[in-house]
Amino acid sequence: MTDIYDVIFLKSEKNDTVLEVEGKKLHVNKAFLSYHSDFFAALFSSKFKEGSMDVIPIEDVTYEDFGLLIGTIHPKIFQSPKMINELRYVEKAKKLRASPGNKDLSDRTKAILLDRIVTFI
């Protein structure tokens, strides 16, 4: 499944920063992630050194778990039929719930995800 993340997080004109997980680069949009996550809002702020880094390392998480978490709030994910089909499985929803970044998602984002998951059950 990680091959879908390689496509979703490719460099584009809409992305303005790079996160690195397990040596893999994920091109993302700071404003979008900051809006949906207090964790990313703090990470990208000028108060932290990461706010000025070209590539921000994310540690203590696997590429697959991080991709699953970020992919659920990243706009390109909903353009990918393969990924939407992956979310149909209850085990994927449980994995998302157990992922380390889940607590950093905003209540609005969690509500959107729950609504999407419920439609597949």
N, C-alpha and C. Protein backbone atom coordinates (compact mmCIF):
# COMPACT_ATOMS: atom_id res chain seq x y z
N MET A 1 0.82 -1.20 0.00
CA MET A 1 0.00 0.00 0.00
C MET A 1 0.86 1.26 0.00
N THR A 2 2.10 1.20 0.44
CA THR A 2 2.91 2.40 0.53
C THR A 2 3.19 3.01 -0.84
N ASP A 3 3.05 2.24 -1.91
CA ASP A 3 3.30 2.80 -3.23
C ASP A 3 2.33 3.93 -3.57
N ILE A 4 1.14 3.92 -3.01
CA ILE A 4 0.18 4.99 -3.25
C ILE A 4 0.66 6.30 -2.63
N TYR A 5 1.35 6.22 -1.49
CA TYR A 5 1.89 7.42 -0.85
C TYR A 5 2.97 8.05 -1.72
N ASP A 6 3.75 7.20 -2.38
CA ASP A 6 4.80 7.71 -3.26
C ASP A 6 4.20 8.59 -4.36
N VAL A 7 2.99 8.28 -4.78
CA VAL A 7 2.31 9.07 -5.81
C VAL A 7 1.63 10.29 -5.20
N ILE A 8 0.96 10.11 -4.09
CA ILE A 8 0.21 11.19 -3.45
C ILE A 8 1.11 12.34 -3.03
N PHE A 9 2.29 12.01 -2.52
CA PHE A 9 3.16 13.03 -1.95
C PHE A 9 4.30 13.44 -2.87
N LEU A 10 4.06 13.39 -4.17
CA LEU A 10 5.05 13.87 -5.13
C LEU A 10 5.16 15.39 -5.06
N LYS A 11 6.29 15.91 -5.48
CA LYS A 11 6.51 17.35 -5.53
C LYS A 11 5.51 17.99 -6.50
N SER A 12 4.93 19.12 -6.09
CA SER A 12 4.02 19.86 -6.97
C SER A 12 4.06 21.33 -6.60
N GLU A 13 3.45 22.16 -7.43
CA GLU A 13 3.42 23.60 -7.16
C GLU A 13 2.54 23.95 -5.97
N LYS A 14 1.68 23.04 -5.55
CA LYS A 14 0.80 23.30 -4.41
C LYS A 14 1.46 23.00 -3.07
N ASN A 15 2.55 22.25 -3.10
CA ASN A 15 3.23 21.87 -1.87
C ASN A 15 4.40 22.80 -1.61
N ASP A 16 4.62 23.09 -0.32
CA ASP A 16 5.68 24.04 0.00
C ASP A 16 6.67 23.56 1.05
N THR A 17 6.58 22.32 1.44
CA THR A 17 7.56 21.76 2.37
C THR A 17 7.67 20.26 2.19
N VAL A 18 8.71 19.71 2.77
CA VAL A 18 8.97 18.27 2.64
C VAL A 18 9.11 17.67 4.03
N LEU A 19 8.37 16.62 4.28
CA LEU A 19 8.52 15.84 5.51
C LEU A 19 9.28 14.58 5.12
N GLU A 20 10.14 14.10 6.00
CA GLU A 20 10.91 12.90 5.71
C GLU A 20 10.64 11.86 6.79
N VAL A 21 10.16 10.70 6.35
CA VAL A 21 9.85 9.61 7.26
C VAL A 21 10.54 8.36 6.72
N GLU A 22 11.34 7.74 7.56
CA GLU A 22 12.10 6.55 7.18
C GLU A 22 12.87 6.75 5.87
N GLY A 23 13.43 7.94 5.69
CA GLY A 23 14.22 8.24 4.51
C GLY A 23 13.42 8.57 3.26
N LYS A 24 12.09 8.56 3.35
CA LYS A 24 11.24 8.87 2.20
C LYS A 24 10.70 10.29 2.35
N LYS A 25 10.64 10.99 1.24
CA LYS A 25 10.20 12.38 1.24
C LYS A 25 8.73 12.50 0.87
N LEU A 26 7.99 13.25 1.68
CA LEU A 26 6.57 13.51 1.44
C LEU A 26 6.42 15.01 1.24
N HIS A 27 6.02 15.42 0.05
CA HIS A 27 5.81 16.83 -0.26
C HIS A 27 4.38 17.19 0.16
N VAL A 28 4.28 18.20 1.03
CA VAL A 28 2.98 18.57 1.59
C VAL A 28 2.83 20.09 1.61
N ASN A 29 1.63 20.55 1.95
CA ASN A 29 1.34 21.97 2.04
C ASN A 29 1.22 22.35 3.52
N LYS A 30 2.08 23.26 3.97
CA LYS A 30 2.11 23.67 5.38
C LYS A 30 0.77 24.22 5.86
N ALA A 31 0.20 25.13 5.09
CA ALA A 31 -1.04 25.78 5.51
C ALA A 31 -2.16 24.76 5.68
N PHE A 32 -2.26 23.84 4.74
CA PHE A 32 -3.32 22.85 4.81
C PHE A 32 -3.17 21.96 6.04
N LEU A 33 -1.96 21.44 6.26
CA LEU A 33 -1.74 20.57 7.42
C LEU A 33 -1.90 21.35 8.72
N SER A 34 -1.45 22.59 8.76
CA SER A 34 -1.57 23.41 9.96
C SER A 34 -3.03 23.67 10.31
N TYR A 35 -3.85 23.87 9.29
CA TYR A 35 -5.28 24.11 9.51
C TYR A 35 -5.95 22.89 10.15
N HIS A 36 -5.53 21.71 9.75
CA HIS A 36 -6.17 20.48 10.23
C HIS A 36 -5.49 19.85 11.43
N SER A 37 -4.35 20.38 11.86
CA SER A 37 -3.64 19.74 12.97
C SER A 37 -2.87 20.78 13.77
N ASP A 38 -3.15 20.82 15.07
CA ASP A 38 -2.40 21.71 15.96
C ASP A 38 -0.93 21.31 16.01
N PHE A 39 -0.66 20.02 15.89
CA PHE A 39 0.72 19.55 15.88
C PHE A 39 1.50 20.19 14.74
N PHE A 40 0.94 20.16 13.54
CA PHE A 40 1.63 20.73 12.39
C PHE A 40 1.67 22.26 12.45
N ALA A 41 0.64 22.87 13.00
CA ALA A 41 0.66 24.33 13.15
C ALA A 41 1.85 24.74 14.01
N ALA A 42 2.07 24.02 15.10
CA ALA A 42 3.21 24.32 15.97
C ALA A 42 4.53 23.97 15.29
N LEU A 43 4.57 22.83 14.64
CA LEU A 43 5.80 22.37 13.98
C LEU A 43 6.28 23.36 12.92
N PHE A 44 5.36 23.91 12.16
CA PHE A 44 5.72 24.80 11.07
C PHE A 44 5.90 26.26 11.51
N SER A 45 5.59 26.56 12.76
CA SER A 45 5.70 27.95 13.22
C SER A 45 7.16 28.36 13.36
N SER A 46 7.37 29.66 13.42
CA SER A 46 8.73 30.19 13.55
C SER A 46 9.31 29.94 14.94
N LYS A 47 8.50 29.46 15.87
CA LYS A 47 8.96 29.18 17.23
C LYS A 47 9.84 27.93 17.29
N PHE A 48 9.74 27.10 16.28
CA PHE A 48 10.50 25.86 16.25
C PHE A 48 11.47 25.88 15.07
N LYS A 49 12.60 25.24 15.23
CA LYS A 49 13.61 25.21 14.16
C LYS A 49 13.07 24.55 12.90
N GLU A 50 12.13 23.62 13.05
CA GLU A 50 11.56 22.93 11.89
C GLU A 50 10.83 23.89 10.95
N GLY A 51 10.34 25.00 11.49
CA GLY A 51 9.62 25.98 10.68
C GLY A 51 10.46 26.58 9.57
N SER A 52 11.77 26.53 9.72
CA SER A 52 12.65 27.10 8.69
C SER A 52 13.47 26.04 7.95
N MET A 53 13.22 24.79 8.23
CA MET A 53 13.98 23.71 7.58
C MET A 53 13.41 23.39 6.20
N ASP A 54 14.28 23.02 5.26
CA ASP A 54 13.83 22.62 3.92
C ASP A 54 13.19 21.23 3.95
N VAL A 55 13.77 20.34 4.75
CA VAL A 55 13.25 18.99 4.91
C VAL A 55 13.11 18.74 6.41
N ILE A 56 11.90 18.39 6.82
CA ILE A 56 11.62 18.20 8.25
C ILE A 56 11.53 16.71 8.55
N PRO A 57 12.45 16.18 9.36
CA PRO A 57 12.39 14.76 9.70
C PRO A 57 11.27 14.48 10.70
N ILE A 58 10.55 13.42 10.47
CA ILE A 58 9.52 12.95 11.38
C ILE A 58 9.97 11.57 11.86
N GLU A 59 10.16 11.44 13.16
CA GLU A 59 10.72 10.20 13.70
C GLU A 59 9.71 9.45 14.55
N ASP A 60 10.09 8.25 14.92
CA ASP A 60 9.29 7.38 15.80
C ASP A 60 7.94 6.99 15.20
N VAL A 61 7.89 6.91 13.87
CA VAL A 61 6.68 6.46 13.19
C VAL A 61 7.11 5.82 11.87
N THR A 62 6.37 4.81 11.44
CA THR A 62 6.70 4.18 10.16
C THR A 62 6.14 5.01 9.01
N TYR A 63 6.73 4.83 7.86
CA TYR A 63 6.28 5.53 6.65
C TYR A 63 4.82 5.17 6.34
N GLU A 64 4.49 3.90 6.49
CA GLU A 64 3.13 3.46 6.19
C GLU A 64 2.12 4.10 7.15
N ASP A 65 2.40 4.07 8.44
CA ASP A 65 1.48 4.66 9.41
C ASP A 65 1.35 6.17 9.22
N PHE A 66 2.47 6.83 9.00
CA PHE A 66 2.43 8.28 8.81
C PHE A 66 1.71 8.63 7.51
N GLY A 67 1.97 7.88 6.46
CA GLY A 67 1.28 8.11 5.20
C GLY A 67 -0.22 7.93 5.33
N LEU A 68 -0.62 6.91 6.07
CA LEU A 68 -2.05 6.67 6.29
C LEU A 68 -2.69 7.84 7.03
N LEU A 69 -2.02 8.31 8.07
CA LEU A 69 -2.56 9.43 8.84
C LEU A 69 -2.62 10.71 8.01
N ILE A 70 -1.51 11.09 7.42
CA ILE A 70 -1.47 12.33 6.65
C ILE A 70 -2.35 12.23 5.41
N GLY A 71 -2.37 11.06 4.82
CA GLY A 71 -3.18 10.87 3.62
C GLY A 71 -4.66 11.08 3.84
N THR A 72 -5.12 10.88 5.07
CA THR A 72 -6.54 11.06 5.33
C THR A 72 -6.96 12.52 5.36
N ILE A 73 -6.01 13.43 5.61
CA ILE A 73 -6.37 14.84 5.62
C ILE A 73 -5.78 15.61 4.44
N HIS A 74 -4.91 14.99 3.71
CA HIS A 74 -4.27 15.66 2.58
C HIS A 74 -5.22 15.66 1.38
N PRO A 75 -5.37 16.78 0.65
CA PRO A 75 -6.38 16.87 -0.40
C PRO A 75 -6.23 15.87 -1.53
N LYS A 76 -5.04 15.47 -1.88
CA LYS A 76 -4.87 14.54 -3.00
C LYS A 76 -5.43 13.16 -2.70
N ILE A 77 -5.53 12.81 -1.44
CA ILE A 77 -5.95 11.46 -1.09
C ILE A 77 -7.36 11.17 -1.59
N PHE A 78 -8.22 12.17 -1.57
CA PHE A 78 -9.60 11.93 -1.97
C PHE A 78 -9.77 11.93 -3.48
N GLN A 79 -8.70 12.19 -4.20
CA GLN A 79 -8.72 12.05 -5.65
C GLN A 79 -8.26 10.67 -6.07
N SER A 80 -7.91 9.86 -5.12
CA SER A 80 -7.36 8.54 -5.41
C SER A 80 -8.36 7.44 -5.09
N PRO A 81 -8.98 6.85 -6.10
CA PRO A 81 -9.96 5.78 -5.85
C PRO A 81 -9.35 4.62 -5.10
N LYS A 82 -8.08 4.30 -5.36
CA LYS A 82 -7.44 3.17 -4.67
C LYS A 82 -7.45 3.40 -3.17
N MET A 83 -7.10 4.61 -2.75
CA MET A 83 -7.01 4.89 -1.32
C MET A 83 -8.40 4.91 -0.68
N ILE A 84 -9.37 5.46 -1.37
CA ILE A 84 -10.73 5.46 -0.83
C ILE A 84 -11.20 4.02 -0.62
N ASN A 85 -10.90 3.15 -1.56
CA ASN A 85 -11.25 1.73 -1.40
C ASN A 85 -10.54 1.11 -0.22
N GLU A 86 -9.29 1.51 0.03
CA GLU A 86 -8.55 0.99 1.17
C GLU A 86 -9.23 1.36 2.49
N LEU A 87 -9.82 2.55 2.56
CA LEU A 87 -10.48 2.98 3.79
C LEU A 87 -11.76 2.20 4.08
N ARG A 88 -12.20 1.43 3.13
CA ARG A 88 -13.42 0.65 3.34
C ARG A 88 -13.22 -0.46 4.37
N TYR A 89 -12.03 -0.85 4.57
CA TYR A 89 -11.76 -1.96 5.48
C TYR A 89 -11.69 -1.47 6.91
N VAL A 90 -12.39 -2.16 7.78
CA VAL A 90 -12.43 -1.79 9.19
C VAL A 90 -11.04 -1.81 9.79
N GLU A 91 -10.20 -2.74 9.38
CA GLU A 91 -8.85 -2.82 9.93
C GLU A 91 -8.05 -1.55 9.63
N LYS A 92 -8.28 -0.95 8.48
CA LYS A 92 -7.60 0.30 8.15
C LYS A 92 -8.07 1.42 9.06
N ALA A 93 -9.35 1.46 9.34
CA ALA A 93 -9.88 2.48 10.24
C ALA A 93 -9.31 2.31 11.64
N LYS A 94 -9.19 1.06 12.09
CA LYS A 94 -8.62 0.80 13.40
C LYS A 94 -7.15 1.20 13.44
N LYS A 95 -6.44 0.95 12.35
CA LYS A 95 -5.02 1.32 12.28
C LYS A 95 -4.86 2.83 12.35
N LEU A 96 -5.73 3.55 11.67
CA LEU A 96 -5.70 5.00 11.72
C LEU A 96 -5.95 5.47 13.15
N ARG A 97 -6.92 4.90 13.81
CA ARG A 97 -7.28 5.28 15.18
C ARG A 97 -6.09 5.08 16.12
N ALA A 98 -5.33 4.00 15.90
CA ALA A 98 -4.21 3.67 16.79
C ALA A 98 -2.92 4.40 16.43
N SER A 99 -2.89 5.08 15.30
CA SER A 99 -1.65 5.74 14.86
C SER A 99 -1.30 6.90 15.80
N PRO A 100 0.00 7.18 15.97
CA PRO A 100 0.44 8.17 16.94
C PRO A 100 -0.05 9.59 16.69
N GLY A 101 -0.24 9.98 15.46
CA GLY A 101 -0.67 11.35 15.17
C GLY A 101 -2.16 11.57 15.26
N ASN A 102 -2.93 10.52 15.51
CA ASN A 102 -4.38 10.64 15.56
C ASN A 102 -4.83 11.68 16.58
N LYS A 103 -4.17 11.73 17.72
CA LYS A 103 -4.57 12.69 18.76
C LYS A 103 -4.34 14.14 18.36
N ASP A 104 -3.52 14.36 17.35
CA ASP A 104 -3.23 15.72 16.91
C ASP A 104 -4.20 16.24 15.85
N LEU A 105 -5.07 15.37 15.35
CA LEU A 105 -6.05 15.80 14.36
C LEU A 105 -7.11 16.67 15.02
N SER A 106 -7.58 17.65 14.30
CA SER A 106 -8.63 18.51 14.84
C SER A 106 -9.94 17.73 14.93
N ASP A 107 -10.84 18.20 15.77
CA ASP A 107 -12.14 17.54 15.90
C ASP A 107 -12.89 17.56 14.56
N ARG A 108 -12.74 18.63 13.81
CA ARG A 108 -13.39 18.74 12.50
C ARG A 108 -12.89 17.64 11.56
N THR A 109 -11.58 17.44 11.55
CA THR A 109 -10.99 16.41 10.69
C THR A 109 -11.47 15.03 11.11
N LYS A 110 -11.50 14.78 12.41
CA LYS A 110 -11.98 13.48 12.91
C LYS A 110 -13.44 13.25 12.50
N ALA A 111 -14.24 14.30 12.57
CA ALA A 111 -15.65 14.17 12.18
C ALA A 111 -15.79 13.83 10.70
N ILE A 112 -14.98 14.48 9.86
CA ILE A 112 -15.00 14.21 8.42
C ILE A 112 -14.59 12.76 8.15
N LEU A 113 -13.55 12.31 8.82
CA LEU A 113 -13.07 10.93 8.64
C LEU A 113 -14.12 9.93 9.10
N LEU A 114 -14.72 10.19 10.25
CA LEU A 114 -15.75 9.29 10.76
C LEU A 114 -16.92 9.20 9.78
N ASP A 115 -17.34 10.33 9.27
CA ASP A 115 -18.44 10.35 8.30
C ASP A 115 -18.09 9.51 7.07
N ARG A 116 -16.87 9.66 6.57
CA ARG A 116 -16.44 8.91 5.39
C ARG A 116 -16.39 7.41 5.68
N ILE A 117 -15.85 7.05 6.85
CA ILE A 117 -15.71 5.63 7.20
C ILE A 117 -17.09 5.00 7.39
N VAL A 118 -17.99 5.71 8.05
CA VAL A 118 -19.34 5.17 8.29
C VAL A 118 -20.07 4.89 6.99
N THR A 119 -19.83 5.68 5.95
CA THR A 119 -20.51 5.43 4.69
C THR A 119 -20.06 4.12 4.03
N PHE A 120 -18.90 3.62 4.44
CA PHE A 120 -18.39 2.39 3.84
C PHE A 120 -18.79 1.14 4.62
N ILE A 121 -19.29 1.34 5.83
CA ILE A 121 -19.61 0.18 6.68
C ILE A 121 -21.00 -0.33 6.39
